[in-house]
Amino acid sequence: MDEAQRDIRIFRFGVFELDSDSGELRREGKEQPRLRDQALQILLTLLERPRKIVTREELHRRLWPSDTFVDFDHGLNTAINQLRNALGDSAANPRFIQTLPRRGYRFIAPVEIAAHAGATQDSGAGVPGSPSDPLPGTSGAADSAAPPRNTSLLSSAHELPRVSSGIVRTLFSLIQAMYLGFYVASLARLSAVEVVLARTGNPALPLLVALIVTAAVGIPIRLYLFSGAAFNYRGLSTKFQKLFPFVLLLDELWALAPFLMVPQISMGLALAATAALLYLPFAQRSLLLMDMAERDT
């Protein structure tokens, strides 16, 4: 992108927009404190090449001429920290600027470029002619490259924060271990479970059969998911999305498990535990989507 094109651009990402001509950074339309020149130049460089690595050497050449003697590492780190503070971002859990150790940086959020006149196009599309010209064979770069609008009640990967794979795997594994504990404990104490079911006033045998069958089916599923998380199986998220309708049904049924312990924990605590367990299948789905978003960057 040449200077003339850059000067008439507004970059939009998340709730922010940056006017490359004036250097103004706005959040939800409200002007933010002005970025220092070096931080602004770094941000512009990253926005011009979203999802691509910008090396430290490239930033050095752009920010400081070859005949300038400066502590480059300190200056670059200071500018990056100012950018992260301005964007509410963090190195540990980046939403915008990702650090690639010893290599450089990458802007990981979707970026839209808008001309001052209002025409828009996605930054990854290139500029074949005027800012509003669509690419050949497309109906418009903004429509083809922008993240799809989610019309489902369930979250999609691009709506969720990026979380460390280690954290995702740990939490996901703990959930699988908890369900395994439910299944094994219930099967090990079938006689006690039968007594509790009989107290409900309903025929105990059908409920007991349902418990045995779902536990027997659930155990291999949980072992598969647990091992997939433990060994960092890269296809786990995709597989889980396919299994999700069945896992949802299974987990919602087992959300009633705390009622088997009413004599020990009281009805109120059983209701609270059930309410939390009803959410767990959705939590598992979201965790794996967060991990998918992290891997994609």
Protein backbone atom coordinates (compact mmCIF):
# COMPACT_ATOMS: atom_id res chain seq x y z
CA MET A 1 0.00 0.00 0.00
CA ASP A 2 1.61 3.33 -1.04
CA GLU A 3 1.56 6.55 0.98
CA ALA A 4 -1.25 8.16 -1.06
CA GLN A 5 -3.52 5.21 -0.44
CA ARG A 6 -2.59 5.04 3.22
CA ASP A 7 -3.32 8.72 3.79
CA ILE A 8 -6.99 8.39 2.87
CA ARG A 9 -7.65 5.30 4.98
CA ILE A 10 -9.45 4.59 8.22
CA PHE A 11 -8.65 1.25 9.82
CA ARG A 12 -11.42 -0.40 11.86
CA PHE A 13 -10.76 -3.27 14.24
CA GLY A 14 -12.91 -4.36 17.18
CA VAL A 15 -14.39 -1.25 18.81
CA PHE A 16 -11.51 0.90 17.53
CA GLU A 17 -10.79 2.88 14.42
CA LEU A 18 -7.60 4.65 13.41
CA ASP A 19 -7.42 7.58 11.01
CA SER A 20 -4.10 7.14 9.26
CA ASP A 21 -4.16 10.73 7.99
CA SER A 22 -4.65 12.51 11.32
CA GLY A 23 -3.35 9.73 13.56
CA GLU A 24 -6.51 9.86 15.67
CA LEU A 25 -7.46 6.66 17.52
CA ARG A 26 -11.16 6.36 18.38
CA ARG A 27 -12.95 3.84 20.57
CA GLU A 28 -16.66 3.49 19.81
CA GLY A 29 -16.47 6.87 18.11
CA LYS A 30 -14.80 8.64 21.05
CA GLU A 31 -11.33 10.03 20.50
CA GLN A 32 -8.61 8.48 22.66
CA PRO A 33 -5.34 10.00 23.90
CA ARG A 34 -3.03 10.53 20.97
CA LEU A 35 -0.44 7.86 20.27
CA ARG A 36 3.20 8.79 20.12
CA ASP A 37 4.67 8.86 16.63
CA GLN A 38 6.61 5.59 16.93
CA ALA A 39 3.64 3.72 18.42
CA LEU A 40 1.42 5.12 15.64
CA GLN A 41 3.83 4.01 12.91
CA ILE A 42 4.02 0.51 14.39
CA LEU A 43 0.24 0.25 14.56
CA LEU A 44 -0.12 1.42 10.95
CA THR A 45 2.46 -1.12 9.81
CA LEU A 46 0.67 -3.96 11.59
CA LEU A 47 -2.76 -2.86 10.33
CA GLU A 48 -1.54 -2.79 6.74
CA ARG A 49 -0.53 -6.47 7.06
CA PRO A 50 -3.08 -8.12 9.38
CA ARG A 51 -2.39 -11.73 10.38
CA LYS A 52 1.10 -11.51 8.83
CA ILE A 53 4.35 -11.35 10.75
CA VAL A 54 6.09 -7.98 10.81
CA THR A 55 9.68 -8.60 11.85
CA ARG A 56 11.59 -6.48 14.34
CA GLU A 57 14.06 -5.66 11.56
CA GLU A 58 11.27 -4.24 9.39
CA LEU A 59 10.06 -2.07 12.24
CA HIS A 60 13.63 -0.93 12.89
CA ARG A 61 14.01 0.18 9.28
CA ARG A 62 10.68 1.99 9.27
CA LEU A 63 11.05 3.75 12.60
CA TRP A 64 14.73 4.59 12.74
CA PRO A 65 16.99 5.46 9.79
CA SER A 66 20.16 3.40 9.43
CA ASP A 67 22.35 6.30 10.56
CA THR A 68 20.38 6.77 13.80
CA PHE A 69 21.97 5.42 16.97
CA VAL A 70 19.28 4.39 19.44
CA ASP A 71 18.49 1.59 21.88
CA PHE A 72 16.15 -0.09 19.42
CA ASP A 73 14.95 -2.90 21.70
CA HIS A 74 14.00 -0.49 24.48
CA GLY A 75 12.32 1.94 22.09
CA LEU A 76 10.35 -0.80 20.34
CA ASN A 77 9.25 -2.45 23.59
CA THR A 78 8.15 0.92 24.98
CA ALA A 79 6.10 1.68 21.85
CA ILE A 80 4.47 -1.78 21.85
CA ASN A 81 3.56 -1.42 25.53
CA GLN A 82 1.97 1.97 24.81
CA LEU A 83 -0.07 0.42 22.00
CA ARG A 84 -1.27 -2.40 24.23
CA ASN A 85 -2.25 0.04 26.96
CA ALA A 86 -4.16 2.17 24.45
CA LEU A 87 -6.00 -0.87 23.07
CA GLY A 88 -6.60 -2.58 26.41
CA ASP A 89 -4.53 -5.52 25.13
CA SER A 90 -2.04 -7.80 26.86
CA ALA A 91 0.93 -9.89 25.77
CA ALA A 92 -0.27 -12.92 27.77
CA ASN A 93 -3.76 -12.96 26.23
CA PRO A 94 -3.59 -10.85 23.07
CA ARG A 95 -6.71 -9.73 21.23
CA PHE A 96 -4.91 -7.43 18.78
CA ILE A 97 -1.09 -7.56 18.90
CA GLN A 98 0.58 -10.95 19.20
CA THR A 99 4.26 -11.24 20.07
CA LEU A 100 6.31 -13.87 18.27
CA PRO A 101 9.48 -14.19 20.39
CA ARG A 102 12.69 -13.21 18.61
CA ARG A 103 10.76 -12.76 15.36
CA GLY A 104 8.38 -9.83 15.54
CA TYR A 105 4.69 -9.04 15.90
CA ARG A 106 1.40 -9.86 14.23
CA PHE A 107 -2.00 -8.10 14.26
CA ILE A 108 -4.45 -10.97 14.87
CA ALA A 109 -7.86 -9.25 14.88
CA PRO A 110 -9.95 -8.75 11.71
CA VAL A 111 -9.24 -5.37 10.09
CA GLU A 112 -11.50 -3.36 7.80
CA ILE A 113 -10.25 -0.44 5.73
CA ALA A 114 -12.62 2.42 4.95
CA ALA A 115 -12.04 5.36 2.68
CA HIS A 116 -12.98 8.78 4.06
CA ALA A 117 -15.85 8.87 1.57
CA GLY A 118 -17.31 5.75 3.19
CA ALA A 119 -16.32 2.98 0.76
CA THR A 120 -14.97 -0.04 2.60
CA GLN A 121 -12.86 -3.07 1.86
CA ASP A 122 -11.02 -5.69 3.86
CA SER A 123 -7.32 -5.12 4.38
CA GLY A 124 -6.38 -8.55 3.11
CA ALA A 125 -7.92 -7.98 -0.31
CA GLY A 126 -5.45 -5.63 -1.95
CA VAL A 127 -6.34 -2.53 -3.98
CA PRO A 128 -6.73 -3.23 -7.69
CA GLY A 129 -7.91 0.23 -8.55
CA SER A 130 -9.82 2.74 -6.49
CA PRO A 131 -10.59 1.99 -2.82
CA SER A 132 -14.10 0.85 -3.66
CA ASP A 133 -13.17 -1.44 -6.60
CA PRO A 134 -14.05 -5.08 -5.87
CA LEU A 135 -11.60 -7.84 -6.67
CA PRO A 136 -12.17 -9.73 -9.92
CA GLY A 137 -14.62 -12.56 -9.45
CA THR A 138 -15.98 -11.22 -6.16
CA SER A 139 -18.94 -9.09 -5.19
CA GLY A 140 -16.85 -6.91 -2.92
CA ALA A 141 -13.85 -7.52 -0.70
CA ALA A 142 -15.51 -6.43 2.50
CA ASP A 143 -18.32 -8.94 2.13
CA SER A 144 -16.03 -11.79 1.11
CA ALA A 145 -13.30 -11.35 3.73
CA ALA A 146 -15.11 -9.98 6.74
CA PRO A 147 -15.87 -12.42 9.57
CA PRO A 148 -19.26 -14.07 9.06
CA ARG A 149 -22.11 -12.67 11.09
CA ASN A 150 -23.17 -15.13 13.75
CA THR A 151 -26.94 -15.57 13.86
CA SER A 152 -26.82 -18.50 16.28
CA LEU A 153 -27.33 -18.25 20.03
CA LEU A 154 -24.07 -20.17 20.42
CA SER A 155 -20.74 -18.36 20.24
CA SER A 156 -18.47 -18.70 17.23
CA ALA A 157 -14.67 -18.89 17.37
CA HIS A 158 -14.04 -15.28 16.26
CA GLU A 159 -16.28 -13.93 19.04
CA LEU A 160 -14.32 -15.60 21.83
CA PRO A 161 -11.04 -14.44 23.38
CA ARG A 162 -7.85 -16.26 22.54
CA VAL A 163 -6.68 -18.29 25.52
CA SER A 164 -3.47 -20.22 26.08
CA SER A 165 -3.76 -23.81 24.87
CA GLY A 166 -2.40 -25.05 28.19
CA ILE A 167 -5.17 -23.35 30.16
CA VAL A 168 -7.84 -24.69 27.79
CA ARG A 169 -6.51 -28.25 27.99
CA THR A 170 -6.26 -28.15 31.78
CA LEU A 171 -9.82 -26.90 32.30
CA PHE A 172 -11.25 -29.22 29.66
CA SER A 173 -9.46 -32.22 31.19
CA LEU A 174 -10.76 -31.37 34.67
CA ILE A 175 -14.33 -31.31 33.33
CA GLN A 176 -13.88 -34.74 31.72
CA ALA A 177 -12.40 -36.12 34.95
CA MET A 178 -15.39 -34.79 36.89
CA TYR A 179 -17.87 -36.57 34.60
CA LEU A 180 -15.84 -39.77 34.79
CA GLY A 181 -16.08 -39.51 38.56
CA PHE A 182 -19.87 -39.15 38.30
CA TYR A 183 -20.19 -42.24 36.11
CA VAL A 184 -17.88 -44.49 38.09
CA ALA A 185 -19.27 -43.45 41.48
CA SER A 186 -22.85 -44.03 40.34
CA LEU A 187 -22.08 -47.46 38.92
CA ALA A 188 -20.11 -48.41 42.02
CA ARG A 189 -23.06 -47.54 44.29
CA LEU A 190 -25.99 -48.81 42.24
CA SER A 191 -27.82 -50.20 45.27
CA ALA A 192 -27.71 -46.82 47.03
CA VAL A 193 -28.76 -45.06 43.84
CA GLU A 194 -31.70 -47.46 43.49
CA VAL A 195 -32.87 -46.57 47.02
CA VAL A 196 -32.72 -42.85 46.23
CA LEU A 197 -34.62 -43.34 42.96
CA ALA A 198 -37.30 -45.38 44.74
CA ARG A 199 -37.92 -42.47 47.11
CA THR A 200 -38.98 -40.29 44.19
CA GLY A 201 -42.23 -42.25 43.88
CA ASN A 202 -41.49 -43.16 40.25
CA PRO A 203 -40.62 -46.65 38.98
CA ALA A 204 -36.94 -47.06 39.87
CA LEU A 205 -36.05 -49.66 37.23
CA PRO A 206 -36.40 -47.47 34.08
CA LEU A 207 -34.42 -44.67 35.75
CA LEU A 208 -31.76 -47.12 36.86
CA VAL A 209 -31.46 -48.59 33.37
CA ALA A 210 -31.14 -45.09 31.88
CA LEU A 211 -28.39 -44.27 34.39
CA ILE A 212 -26.46 -47.45 33.61
CA VAL A 213 -26.72 -47.02 29.84
CA THR A 214 -25.73 -43.34 29.79
CA ALA A 215 -22.85 -43.97 32.18
CA ALA A 216 -21.62 -46.90 30.10
CA VAL A 217 -21.76 -44.76 26.94
CA GLY A 218 -20.32 -41.71 28.68
CA ILE A 219 -17.20 -43.41 30.04
CA PRO A 220 -15.52 -44.10 26.64
CA ILE A 221 -16.53 -40.65 25.37
CA ARG A 222 -14.94 -38.98 28.40
CA LEU A 223 -11.81 -41.11 28.11
CA TYR A 224 -11.49 -40.10 24.45
CA LEU A 225 -11.94 -36.40 25.24
CA PHE A 226 -9.62 -36.58 28.25
CA SER A 227 -6.84 -38.28 26.29
CA GLY A 228 -7.34 -35.88 23.38
CA ALA A 229 -6.81 -32.91 25.69
CA ALA A 230 -3.95 -34.56 27.59
CA PHE A 231 -2.02 -35.35 24.40
CA ASN A 232 -2.94 -32.09 22.65
CA TYR A 233 -4.81 -33.73 19.76
CA ARG A 234 -5.10 -30.96 17.16
CA GLY A 235 -8.36 -32.28 15.72
CA LEU A 236 -10.12 -32.42 19.08
CA SER A 237 -12.08 -29.20 18.66
CA THR A 238 -13.46 -30.24 15.27
CA LYS A 239 -14.39 -33.69 16.56
CA PHE A 240 -16.08 -32.22 19.62
CA GLN A 241 -18.22 -29.89 17.50
CA LYS A 242 -19.53 -32.96 15.66
CA LEU A 243 -20.15 -34.79 18.95
CA PHE A 244 -21.68 -31.74 20.63
CA PRO A 245 -25.41 -32.53 20.07
CA PHE A 246 -24.97 -35.95 21.68
CA VAL A 247 -22.68 -34.63 24.45
CA LEU A 248 -25.22 -31.89 25.16
CA LEU A 249 -28.00 -34.42 25.65
CA LEU A 250 -25.79 -36.66 27.79
CA ASP A 251 -24.56 -33.80 29.99
CA GLU A 252 -28.00 -32.30 30.46
CA LEU A 253 -29.26 -35.67 31.71
CA TRP A 254 -26.34 -35.99 34.10
CA ALA A 255 -26.88 -32.44 35.31
CA LEU A 256 -29.57 -34.06 37.47
CA ALA A 257 -26.96 -36.18 39.26
CA PRO A 258 -26.74 -33.91 42.33
CA PHE A 259 -30.32 -34.87 43.19
CA LEU A 260 -29.03 -38.37 43.91
CA MET A 261 -27.11 -36.82 46.80
CA VAL A 262 -29.96 -34.79 48.31
CA PRO A 263 -29.82 -36.72 51.64
CA GLN A 264 -26.19 -35.66 52.00
CA ILE A 265 -26.11 -32.14 50.53
CA SER A 266 -29.70 -30.77 50.84
CA MET A 267 -32.15 -29.81 48.10
CA GLY A 268 -30.90 -26.23 47.77
CA LEU A 269 -27.30 -27.24 47.13
CA ALA A 270 -28.46 -29.89 44.66
CA LEU A 271 -30.40 -27.22 42.71
CA ALA A 272 -27.36 -24.94 42.64
CA ALA A 273 -25.07 -27.74 41.44
CA THR A 274 -27.57 -28.75 38.75
CA ALA A 275 -27.80 -25.17 37.48
CA ALA A 276 -24.00 -25.08 37.10
CA LEU A 277 -23.88 -28.47 35.41
CA LEU A 278 -26.49 -27.39 32.86
CA TYR A 279 -23.97 -24.83 31.58
CA LEU A 280 -20.98 -27.18 31.40
CA PRO A 281 -21.53 -28.61 27.88
CA PHE A 282 -21.56 -25.06 26.51
CA ALA A 283 -18.44 -24.24 28.54
CA GLN A 284 -16.64 -27.23 27.00
CA ARG A 285 -17.60 -26.08 23.51
CA SER A 286 -16.41 -22.52 24.17
CA LEU A 287 -13.10 -23.71 25.64
CA LEU A 288 -12.24 -25.72 22.55
CA LEU A 289 -13.27 -22.87 20.25
CA MET A 290 -10.92 -20.57 22.18
CA ASP A 291 -8.13 -23.06 21.62
CA MET A 292 -9.03 -23.24 17.92
CA ALA A 293 -8.83 -19.44 17.64
CA GLU A 294 -5.42 -19.47 19.33
CA ARG A 295 -4.07 -22.15 16.96
CA ASP A 296 -5.35 -20.28 13.90
CA THR A 297 -3.25 -17.24 14.79
